[in-house]
Amino acid sequence: MPTPAKDSSIKELNDKFSRAKSAVVANYQGITAPELTLLRKHMRQRSVDFLVVKNTLARKAAKNTSLEVLDSHFKGPVSLVVSYDDVVAPAKALTEFAKADVKKQPEVICGVVEGKRISPDEVKALSDLPSKEVLIARMLSTFQGPTTNFARVLNGLLQKLVGTLEAIKDKKEKSGG
C-alpha cells in the first residue's frame, strides 16, 4: 500500500514528466559522491533537472506522460536528465559534462524527445545540434539576407539617380542653361 509520501513523490514526478520536452536516461553507477555533486551543479547551471529516483516510482509517475516510453528502461541505478524548454539541453549538458575531469561519466542508455524514444547514438547526434537560440538566429539571418540585399540594390540605384541628376545640373550650370 503506497504511503502518502510516496503518493506525493509520484504526483510531483508526474508533474515534471508531463512538462518535459525531452529527457535522457543515464546509468550513474560508479560515479563518486563528489562527482555526483559536480554533475548536479553542472545540470542546474544549464537549466535541466538531474533526477535519481526509485525505478518503481519513476514507472508509476511516467504513466500518461511523454516519458512513458522509457518504462522498460527504469531498472538498475539510472538517473534522468530532464528539460522543460529546450529538447537539446539534456544531451548537450551530458556531452559538456563529459569534458569535466572526472573518473567516471554517466552512461547514456536512451532518451526521449516529445514522446519518441531515441537511442544513445541519436542522443549523441542531438547533442551536436546548435541550441534553439542559435537556430532561430540563423533562420532570422536567412530571412533578413534577401531584404538587406534588396535595400542595398535600391540604395545603389538611388545613389546613381542622384549622381546622374547632379551631373545634369552641373552640365546645365556650365552651359549657362
N, C-alpha and C. Protein backbone atom coordinates (compact mmCIF):
# COMPACT_ATOMS: atom_id res chain seq x y z
N MET A 1 0.84 -1.18 0.00
CA MET A 1 0.00 0.00 0.00
C MET A 1 0.88 1.25 0.00
N PRO A 2 0.67 2.14 -0.96
CA PRO A 2 1.52 3.33 -1.05
C PRO A 2 1.30 4.27 0.13
N THR A 3 2.40 4.83 0.60
CA THR A 3 2.33 5.79 1.69
C THR A 3 2.01 7.17 1.14
N PRO A 4 1.53 8.09 1.99
CA PRO A 4 1.26 9.45 1.49
C PRO A 4 2.52 10.12 0.92
N ALA A 5 3.68 9.81 1.49
CA ALA A 5 4.93 10.39 0.98
C ALA A 5 5.22 9.89 -0.43
N LYS A 6 5.00 8.60 -0.65
CA LYS A 6 5.23 8.04 -1.99
C LYS A 6 4.23 8.62 -2.99
N ASP A 7 2.96 8.73 -2.56
CA ASP A 7 1.95 9.33 -3.44
C ASP A 7 2.34 10.76 -3.82
N SER A 8 2.82 11.51 -2.86
CA SER A 8 3.26 12.87 -3.10
C SER A 8 4.44 12.90 -4.08
N SER A 9 5.39 11.99 -3.89
CA SER A 9 6.56 11.91 -4.79
C SER A 9 6.13 11.57 -6.21
N ILE A 10 5.18 10.64 -6.33
CA ILE A 10 4.70 10.23 -7.65
C ILE A 10 4.00 11.40 -8.34
N LYS A 11 3.17 12.13 -7.59
CA LYS A 11 2.48 13.28 -8.18
C LYS A 11 3.47 14.36 -8.63
N GLU A 12 4.47 14.61 -7.80
CA GLU A 12 5.49 15.61 -8.15
C GLU A 12 6.26 15.19 -9.39
N LEU A 13 6.66 13.92 -9.42
CA LEU A 13 7.38 13.41 -10.60
C LEU A 13 6.50 13.43 -11.84
N ASN A 14 5.23 13.05 -11.69
CA ASN A 14 4.31 13.05 -12.81
C ASN A 14 4.17 14.45 -13.39
N ASP A 15 4.13 15.46 -12.52
CA ASP A 15 4.07 16.84 -12.98
C ASP A 15 5.31 17.18 -13.80
N LYS A 16 6.49 16.82 -13.29
CA LYS A 16 7.74 17.09 -14.01
C LYS A 16 7.76 16.35 -15.34
N PHE A 17 7.37 15.08 -15.33
CA PHE A 17 7.38 14.27 -16.55
C PHE A 17 6.38 14.81 -17.57
N SER A 18 5.24 15.33 -17.10
CA SER A 18 4.22 15.88 -18.00
C SER A 18 4.73 17.14 -18.71
N ARG A 19 5.55 17.92 -18.02
CA ARG A 19 6.07 19.17 -18.60
C ARG A 19 7.33 18.96 -19.44
N ALA A 20 7.93 17.77 -19.35
CA ALA A 20 9.21 17.51 -20.01
C ALA A 20 9.09 17.52 -21.53
N LYS A 21 9.99 18.27 -22.17
CA LYS A 21 10.10 18.25 -23.64
C LYS A 21 11.00 17.10 -24.07
N SER A 22 12.04 16.85 -23.24
CA SER A 22 12.97 15.76 -23.55
C SER A 22 13.62 15.29 -22.26
N ALA A 23 14.17 14.08 -22.34
CA ALA A 23 14.88 13.52 -21.18
C ALA A 23 15.88 12.49 -21.69
N VAL A 24 16.92 12.28 -20.89
CA VAL A 24 17.92 11.26 -21.19
C VAL A 24 18.05 10.37 -19.96
N VAL A 25 18.00 9.06 -20.18
CA VAL A 25 18.21 8.09 -19.10
C VAL A 25 19.68 7.72 -19.12
N ALA A 26 20.32 7.82 -17.97
CA ALA A 26 21.75 7.53 -17.89
C ALA A 26 22.05 6.69 -16.65
N ASN A 27 23.02 5.79 -16.78
CA ASN A 27 23.48 4.98 -15.66
C ASN A 27 24.57 5.77 -14.95
N TYR A 28 24.37 6.03 -13.68
CA TYR A 28 25.33 6.82 -12.92
C TYR A 28 26.21 5.95 -12.02
N GLN A 29 26.09 4.61 -12.15
CA GLN A 29 26.84 3.69 -11.30
C GLN A 29 28.35 3.92 -11.44
N GLY A 30 29.04 3.96 -10.31
CA GLY A 30 30.48 4.14 -10.32
C GLY A 30 30.92 5.58 -10.16
N ILE A 31 29.98 6.51 -10.20
CA ILE A 31 30.32 7.91 -10.02
C ILE A 31 30.36 8.18 -8.51
N THR A 32 31.43 8.79 -8.06
CA THR A 32 31.59 9.07 -6.64
C THR A 32 30.64 10.19 -6.20
N ALA A 33 30.43 10.28 -4.88
CA ALA A 33 29.53 11.31 -4.35
C ALA A 33 29.98 12.73 -4.71
N PRO A 34 31.27 13.06 -4.59
CA PRO A 34 31.69 14.41 -5.01
C PRO A 34 31.47 14.67 -6.51
N GLU A 35 31.69 13.64 -7.33
CA GLU A 35 31.47 13.79 -8.77
C GLU A 35 29.98 13.95 -9.07
N LEU A 36 29.13 13.24 -8.31
CA LEU A 36 27.68 13.36 -8.47
C LEU A 36 27.22 14.77 -8.10
N THR A 37 27.82 15.34 -7.07
CA THR A 37 27.53 16.72 -6.68
C THR A 37 27.93 17.67 -7.80
N LEU A 38 29.10 17.44 -8.38
CA LEU A 38 29.57 18.25 -9.50
C LEU A 38 28.63 18.12 -10.70
N LEU A 39 28.15 16.90 -10.95
CA LEU A 39 27.21 16.65 -12.05
C LEU A 39 25.90 17.40 -11.81
N ARG A 40 25.37 17.34 -10.61
CA ARG A 40 24.12 18.05 -10.29
C ARG A 40 24.28 19.55 -10.49
N LYS A 41 25.40 20.10 -10.03
CA LYS A 41 25.67 21.54 -10.19
C LYS A 41 25.76 21.91 -11.67
N HIS A 42 26.45 21.07 -12.44
CA HIS A 42 26.59 21.28 -13.89
C HIS A 42 25.21 21.32 -14.56
N MET A 43 24.33 20.40 -14.19
CA MET A 43 23.00 20.34 -14.78
C MET A 43 22.16 21.55 -14.38
N ARG A 44 22.24 21.94 -13.11
CA ARG A 44 21.49 23.10 -12.63
C ARG A 44 21.88 24.37 -13.40
N GLN A 45 23.18 24.52 -13.68
CA GLN A 45 23.66 25.69 -14.41
C GLN A 45 23.12 25.73 -15.82
N ARG A 46 22.74 24.60 -16.35
CA ARG A 46 22.21 24.52 -17.72
C ARG A 46 20.69 24.40 -17.75
N SER A 47 20.06 24.66 -16.62
CA SER A 47 18.59 24.67 -16.50
C SER A 47 17.94 23.34 -16.87
N VAL A 48 18.59 22.26 -16.49
CA VAL A 48 17.99 20.93 -16.64
C VAL A 48 17.98 20.25 -15.28
N ASP A 49 17.00 19.38 -15.09
CA ASP A 49 16.90 18.64 -13.84
C ASP A 49 17.67 17.34 -13.93
N PHE A 50 18.43 17.03 -12.89
CA PHE A 50 19.09 15.73 -12.78
C PHE A 50 18.38 14.98 -11.67
N LEU A 51 17.67 13.92 -12.03
CA LEU A 51 16.84 13.20 -11.07
C LEU A 51 17.34 11.77 -10.87
N VAL A 52 17.51 11.39 -9.62
CA VAL A 52 17.77 10.00 -9.28
C VAL A 52 16.57 9.58 -8.44
N VAL A 53 15.75 8.71 -9.01
CA VAL A 53 14.53 8.28 -8.32
C VAL A 53 14.43 6.77 -8.35
N LYS A 54 13.63 6.24 -7.43
CA LYS A 54 13.40 4.80 -7.42
C LYS A 54 12.67 4.43 -8.71
N ASN A 55 13.07 3.31 -9.29
CA ASN A 55 12.50 2.89 -10.57
C ASN A 55 11.00 2.66 -10.50
N THR A 56 10.52 2.07 -9.40
CA THR A 56 9.07 1.83 -9.30
C THR A 56 8.30 3.15 -9.27
N LEU A 57 8.85 4.15 -8.58
CA LEU A 57 8.19 5.46 -8.55
C LEU A 57 8.23 6.11 -9.93
N ALA A 58 9.37 5.97 -10.61
CA ALA A 58 9.51 6.56 -11.95
C ALA A 58 8.52 5.92 -12.92
N ARG A 59 8.36 4.60 -12.85
CA ARG A 59 7.41 3.92 -13.74
C ARG A 59 5.99 4.42 -13.50
N LYS A 60 5.60 4.53 -12.22
CA LYS A 60 4.25 4.99 -11.90
C LYS A 60 4.06 6.44 -12.32
N ALA A 61 5.06 7.28 -12.10
CA ALA A 61 4.96 8.70 -12.44
C ALA A 61 4.94 8.93 -13.94
N ALA A 62 5.55 8.04 -14.69
CA ALA A 62 5.65 8.21 -16.15
C ALA A 62 4.34 7.87 -16.87
N LYS A 63 3.43 7.20 -16.20
CA LYS A 63 2.16 6.84 -16.83
C LYS A 63 1.47 8.08 -17.39
N ASN A 64 0.97 7.96 -18.61
CA ASN A 64 0.23 9.02 -19.30
C ASN A 64 1.04 10.30 -19.50
N THR A 65 2.36 10.16 -19.64
CA THR A 65 3.22 11.30 -19.96
C THR A 65 4.07 10.93 -21.17
N SER A 66 4.82 11.88 -21.69
CA SER A 66 5.69 11.60 -22.84
C SER A 66 6.84 10.66 -22.46
N LEU A 67 7.12 10.52 -21.16
CA LEU A 67 8.22 9.65 -20.72
C LEU A 67 7.78 8.22 -20.50
N GLU A 68 6.53 7.92 -20.76
CA GLU A 68 6.02 6.55 -20.57
C GLU A 68 6.77 5.55 -21.45
N VAL A 69 7.30 6.00 -22.58
CA VAL A 69 8.04 5.10 -23.48
C VAL A 69 9.34 4.60 -22.85
N LEU A 70 9.77 5.23 -21.74
CA LEU A 70 11.01 4.83 -21.07
C LEU A 70 10.77 3.77 -19.99
N ASP A 71 9.53 3.36 -19.81
CA ASP A 71 9.14 2.45 -18.74
C ASP A 71 10.08 1.26 -18.58
N SER A 72 10.43 0.60 -19.67
CA SER A 72 11.27 -0.60 -19.60
C SER A 72 12.73 -0.28 -19.26
N HIS A 73 13.11 0.98 -19.30
CA HIS A 73 14.49 1.37 -19.01
C HIS A 73 14.69 1.81 -17.56
N PHE A 74 13.61 1.83 -16.79
CA PHE A 74 13.73 2.16 -15.38
C PHE A 74 14.08 0.90 -14.60
N LYS A 75 15.35 0.50 -14.70
CA LYS A 75 15.84 -0.65 -13.94
C LYS A 75 17.32 -0.42 -13.67
N GLY A 76 17.75 -0.87 -12.50
CA GLY A 76 19.14 -0.64 -12.12
C GLY A 76 19.34 0.80 -11.69
N PRO A 77 20.59 1.18 -11.44
CA PRO A 77 20.87 2.55 -10.99
C PRO A 77 20.85 3.54 -12.16
N VAL A 78 19.67 4.11 -12.41
CA VAL A 78 19.56 5.06 -13.52
C VAL A 78 19.13 6.43 -13.00
N SER A 79 19.49 7.42 -13.78
CA SER A 79 19.09 8.80 -13.49
C SER A 79 18.42 9.35 -14.73
N LEU A 80 17.72 10.45 -14.53
CA LEU A 80 17.06 11.15 -15.63
C LEU A 80 17.58 12.57 -15.69
N VAL A 81 17.90 13.01 -16.89
CA VAL A 81 18.25 14.41 -17.13
C VAL A 81 17.09 14.96 -17.95
N VAL A 82 16.36 15.91 -17.37
CA VAL A 82 15.09 16.37 -17.94
C VAL A 82 15.15 17.86 -18.27
N SER A 83 14.60 18.19 -19.45
CA SER A 83 14.48 19.60 -19.85
C SER A 83 13.02 19.91 -20.12
N TYR A 84 12.61 21.11 -19.72
CA TYR A 84 11.23 21.53 -19.89
C TYR A 84 11.08 22.53 -21.03
N ASP A 85 12.20 23.03 -21.56
CA ASP A 85 12.14 24.05 -22.61
C ASP A 85 12.84 23.61 -23.89
N ASP A 86 14.09 23.27 -23.79
CA ASP A 86 14.94 23.00 -24.95
C ASP A 86 15.16 21.50 -25.08
N VAL A 87 14.72 20.90 -26.19
CA VAL A 87 14.84 19.45 -26.36
C VAL A 87 16.30 18.99 -26.46
N VAL A 88 17.19 19.88 -26.81
CA VAL A 88 18.60 19.53 -26.98
C VAL A 88 19.37 19.62 -25.65
N ALA A 89 18.84 20.34 -24.68
CA ALA A 89 19.56 20.65 -23.45
C ALA A 89 20.09 19.44 -22.67
N PRO A 90 19.31 18.37 -22.42
CA PRO A 90 19.86 17.25 -21.66
C PRO A 90 21.05 16.58 -22.36
N ALA A 91 20.93 16.36 -23.65
CA ALA A 91 22.02 15.73 -24.41
C ALA A 91 23.26 16.62 -24.40
N LYS A 92 23.08 17.92 -24.61
CA LYS A 92 24.20 18.86 -24.59
C LYS A 92 24.86 18.90 -23.22
N ALA A 93 24.04 18.95 -22.17
CA ALA A 93 24.58 19.03 -20.81
C ALA A 93 25.43 17.80 -20.48
N LEU A 94 24.96 16.63 -20.86
CA LEU A 94 25.73 15.40 -20.61
C LEU A 94 27.03 15.39 -21.43
N THR A 95 26.95 15.83 -22.67
CA THR A 95 28.15 15.88 -23.52
C THR A 95 29.16 16.88 -22.97
N GLU A 96 28.68 18.03 -22.49
CA GLU A 96 29.59 19.02 -21.91
C GLU A 96 30.21 18.49 -20.62
N PHE A 97 29.43 17.74 -19.83
CA PHE A 97 29.97 17.19 -18.59
C PHE A 97 31.04 16.15 -18.88
N ALA A 98 30.97 15.50 -20.03
CA ALA A 98 31.97 14.50 -20.41
C ALA A 98 33.36 15.13 -20.52
N LYS A 99 33.42 16.44 -20.70
CA LYS A 99 34.70 17.13 -20.80
C LYS A 99 35.28 17.43 -19.42
N ALA A 100 34.47 17.24 -18.37
CA ALA A 100 34.93 17.51 -17.00
C ALA A 100 35.96 16.47 -16.59
N ASP A 101 36.81 16.85 -15.67
CA ASP A 101 37.88 15.97 -15.21
C ASP A 101 37.37 15.07 -14.09
N VAL A 102 36.60 14.04 -14.48
CA VAL A 102 36.08 13.07 -13.53
C VAL A 102 36.44 11.67 -14.03
N LYS A 103 36.53 10.74 -13.11
CA LYS A 103 36.94 9.37 -13.48
C LYS A 103 35.86 8.64 -14.26
N LYS A 104 34.60 8.80 -13.85
CA LYS A 104 33.51 8.05 -14.47
C LYS A 104 32.43 9.00 -14.95
N GLN A 105 31.98 8.79 -16.16
CA GLN A 105 30.91 9.59 -16.76
C GLN A 105 29.60 8.81 -16.72
N PRO A 106 28.46 9.50 -16.66
CA PRO A 106 27.18 8.80 -16.78
C PRO A 106 27.09 8.14 -18.16
N GLU A 107 26.61 6.93 -18.19
CA GLU A 107 26.47 6.20 -19.46
C GLU A 107 25.05 6.37 -19.98
N VAL A 108 24.93 6.95 -21.17
CA VAL A 108 23.61 7.18 -21.76
C VAL A 108 22.99 5.85 -22.16
N ILE A 109 21.77 5.61 -21.68
CA ILE A 109 21.05 4.38 -22.01
C ILE A 109 20.09 4.64 -23.16
N CYS A 110 19.34 5.72 -23.08
CA CYS A 110 18.42 6.12 -24.15
C CYS A 110 17.89 7.50 -23.82
N GLY A 111 17.00 7.98 -24.65
CA GLY A 111 16.40 9.28 -24.41
C GLY A 111 14.99 9.32 -24.95
N VAL A 112 14.34 10.43 -24.71
CA VAL A 112 13.00 10.64 -25.26
C VAL A 112 12.90 12.11 -25.65
N VAL A 113 12.36 12.33 -26.85
CA VAL A 113 12.12 13.69 -27.34
C VAL A 113 10.67 13.77 -27.75
N GLU A 114 9.91 14.58 -27.00
CA GLU A 114 8.49 14.79 -27.26
C GLU A 114 7.75 13.48 -27.50
N GLY A 115 7.97 12.52 -26.61
CA GLY A 115 7.24 11.25 -26.64
C GLY A 115 7.84 10.15 -27.48
N LYS A 116 8.92 10.43 -28.22
CA LYS A 116 9.55 9.41 -29.07
C LYS A 116 10.87 8.97 -28.42
N ARG A 117 11.01 7.66 -28.21
CA ARG A 117 12.23 7.14 -27.62
C ARG A 117 13.35 7.19 -28.65
N ILE A 118 14.55 7.57 -28.21
CA ILE A 118 15.70 7.64 -29.11
C ILE A 118 16.86 6.85 -28.52
N SER A 119 17.73 6.38 -29.38
CA SER A 119 18.87 5.55 -28.99
C SER A 119 20.02 6.42 -28.46
N PRO A 120 21.03 5.79 -27.84
CA PRO A 120 22.20 6.57 -27.40
C PRO A 120 22.89 7.31 -28.55
N ASP A 121 22.93 6.70 -29.74
CA ASP A 121 23.53 7.37 -30.90
C ASP A 121 22.73 8.61 -31.29
N GLU A 122 21.41 8.50 -31.20
CA GLU A 122 20.56 9.65 -31.53
C GLU A 122 20.70 10.75 -30.48
N VAL A 123 20.91 10.34 -29.21
CA VAL A 123 21.16 11.33 -28.16
C VAL A 123 22.45 12.07 -28.48
N LYS A 124 23.48 11.35 -28.90
CA LYS A 124 24.76 11.97 -29.26
C LYS A 124 24.56 12.94 -30.43
N ALA A 125 23.81 12.50 -31.45
CA ALA A 125 23.55 13.37 -32.61
C ALA A 125 22.78 14.62 -32.17
N LEU A 126 21.86 14.46 -31.24
CA LEU A 126 21.09 15.59 -30.73
C LEU A 126 22.01 16.59 -30.03
N SER A 127 23.01 16.08 -29.33
CA SER A 127 23.93 16.96 -28.60
C SER A 127 24.79 17.79 -29.55
N ASP A 128 24.94 17.33 -30.79
CA ASP A 128 25.73 18.06 -31.77
C ASP A 128 24.95 19.20 -32.44
N LEU A 129 23.64 19.22 -32.24
CA LEU A 129 22.82 20.28 -32.83
C LEU A 129 23.07 21.60 -32.12
N PRO A 130 22.97 22.69 -32.85
CA PRO A 130 23.07 24.00 -32.19
C PRO A 130 21.85 24.21 -31.28
N SER A 131 21.96 25.12 -30.34
CA SER A 131 20.85 25.40 -29.43
C SER A 131 19.70 26.05 -30.18
N LYS A 132 18.55 26.09 -29.53
CA LYS A 132 17.36 26.67 -30.11
C LYS A 132 17.59 28.14 -30.50
N GLU A 133 18.29 28.88 -29.63
CA GLU A 133 18.55 30.30 -29.89
C GLU A 133 19.42 30.48 -31.12
N VAL A 134 20.44 29.63 -31.26
CA VAL A 134 21.33 29.71 -32.42
C VAL A 134 20.56 29.39 -33.70
N LEU A 135 19.70 28.37 -33.66
CA LEU A 135 18.91 28.01 -34.84
C LEU A 135 17.96 29.14 -35.23
N ILE A 136 17.35 29.79 -34.24
CA ILE A 136 16.45 30.91 -34.52
C ILE A 136 17.24 32.07 -35.14
N ALA A 137 18.42 32.35 -34.58
CA ALA A 137 19.25 33.44 -35.11
C ALA A 137 19.65 33.14 -36.56
N ARG A 138 20.01 31.89 -36.85
CA ARG A 138 20.38 31.52 -38.22
C ARG A 138 19.20 31.69 -39.16
N MET A 139 18.02 31.28 -38.71
CA MET A 139 16.84 31.38 -39.55
C MET A 139 16.52 32.85 -39.83
N LEU A 140 16.60 33.68 -38.80
CA LEU A 140 16.32 35.11 -38.99
C LEU A 140 17.32 35.77 -39.92
N SER A 141 18.59 35.38 -39.81
CA SER A 141 19.58 35.98 -40.71
C SER A 141 19.34 35.52 -42.15
N THR A 142 18.83 34.30 -42.31
CA THR A 142 18.50 33.82 -43.66
C THR A 142 17.34 34.63 -44.23
N PHE A 143 16.34 34.90 -43.39
CA PHE A 143 15.22 35.72 -43.86
C PHE A 143 15.65 37.15 -44.12
N GLN A 144 16.55 37.65 -43.31
CA GLN A 144 16.98 39.04 -43.40
C GLN A 144 17.88 39.27 -44.62
N GLY A 145 18.61 38.26 -45.05
CA GLY A 145 19.55 38.38 -46.16
C GLY A 145 18.95 38.98 -47.41
N PRO A 146 17.88 38.40 -47.97
CA PRO A 146 17.30 38.96 -49.20
C PRO A 146 16.80 40.40 -49.01
N THR A 147 16.23 40.71 -47.84
CA THR A 147 15.75 42.06 -47.58
C THR A 147 16.91 43.04 -47.57
N THR A 148 17.98 42.66 -46.90
CA THR A 148 19.17 43.52 -46.84
C THR A 148 19.74 43.73 -48.23
N ASN A 149 19.84 42.67 -49.01
CA ASN A 149 20.36 42.78 -50.38
C ASN A 149 19.47 43.69 -51.23
N PHE A 150 18.17 43.55 -51.09
CA PHE A 150 17.23 44.39 -51.85
C PHE A 150 17.43 45.86 -51.47
N ALA A 151 17.57 46.12 -50.18
CA ALA A 151 17.78 47.50 -49.71
C ALA A 151 19.08 48.06 -50.27
N ARG A 152 20.13 47.25 -50.31
CA ARG A 152 21.42 47.71 -50.87
C ARG A 152 21.29 48.05 -52.35
N VAL A 153 20.61 47.19 -53.11
CA VAL A 153 20.42 47.43 -54.54
C VAL A 153 19.61 48.70 -54.75
N LEU A 154 18.54 48.85 -53.98
CA LEU A 154 17.70 50.03 -54.09
C LEU A 154 18.49 51.29 -53.73
N ASN A 155 19.27 51.22 -52.69
CA ASN A 155 20.10 52.36 -52.29
C ASN A 155 21.12 52.70 -53.38
N GLY A 156 21.71 51.65 -53.99
CA GLY A 156 22.66 51.88 -55.09
C GLY A 156 22.01 52.57 -56.26
N LEU A 157 20.78 52.17 -56.61
CA LEU A 157 20.05 52.80 -57.71
C LEU A 157 19.74 54.26 -57.39
N LEU A 158 19.34 54.51 -56.14
CA LEU A 158 19.05 55.89 -55.75
C LEU A 158 20.31 56.75 -55.82
N GLN A 159 21.44 56.20 -55.39
CA GLN A 159 22.69 56.96 -55.45
C GLN A 159 23.06 57.26 -56.90
N LYS A 160 22.85 56.30 -57.79
CA LYS A 160 23.14 56.54 -59.21
C LYS A 160 22.22 57.61 -59.76
N LEU A 161 20.93 57.57 -59.38
CA LEU A 161 19.97 58.57 -59.84
C LEU A 161 20.38 59.96 -59.35
N VAL A 162 20.73 60.07 -58.08
CA VAL A 162 21.17 61.36 -57.52
C VAL A 162 22.43 61.83 -58.23
N GLY A 163 23.36 60.91 -58.46
CA GLY A 163 24.59 61.25 -59.17
C GLY A 163 24.32 61.73 -60.58
N THR A 164 23.40 61.08 -61.26
CA THR A 164 23.04 61.46 -62.62
C THR A 164 22.37 62.84 -62.64
N LEU A 165 21.46 63.06 -61.69
CA LEU A 165 20.79 64.37 -61.61
C LEU A 165 21.78 65.48 -61.31
N GLU A 166 22.73 65.23 -60.43
CA GLU A 166 23.75 66.24 -60.12
C GLU A 166 24.62 66.52 -61.35
N ALA A 167 24.94 65.45 -62.09
CA ALA A 167 25.74 65.63 -63.30
C ALA A 167 24.98 66.48 -64.32
N ILE A 168 23.70 66.23 -64.45
CA ILE A 168 22.87 67.01 -65.38
C ILE A 168 22.82 68.47 -64.92
N LYS A 169 22.63 68.68 -63.62
CA LYS A 169 22.58 70.03 -63.04
C LYS A 169 23.91 70.76 -63.30
N ASP A 170 25.03 70.08 -63.02
CA ASP A 170 26.34 70.68 -63.25
C ASP A 170 26.53 71.02 -64.74
N LYS A 171 26.11 70.15 -65.60
CA LYS A 171 26.27 70.38 -67.05
C LYS A 171 25.46 71.58 -67.48
N LYS A 172 24.22 71.69 -66.94
CA LYS A 172 23.38 72.84 -67.30
C LYS A 172 23.95 74.12 -66.74
N GLU A 173 24.51 74.08 -65.53
CA GLU A 173 25.11 75.28 -64.95
C GLU A 173 26.30 75.73 -65.75
N LYS A 174 27.11 74.79 -66.24
CA LYS A 174 28.29 75.13 -67.02
C LYS A 174 27.91 75.69 -68.40
N SER A 175 26.83 75.14 -68.94
CA SER A 175 26.43 75.59 -70.28
C SER A 175 25.59 76.87 -70.21
N GLY A 176 25.28 77.27 -68.98
CA GLY A 176 24.55 78.54 -68.82
C GLY A 176 23.05 78.36 -68.97
N GLY A 177 22.57 77.16 -68.75
CA GLY A 177 21.19 76.95 -69.03
C GLY A 177 20.33 76.84 -67.89
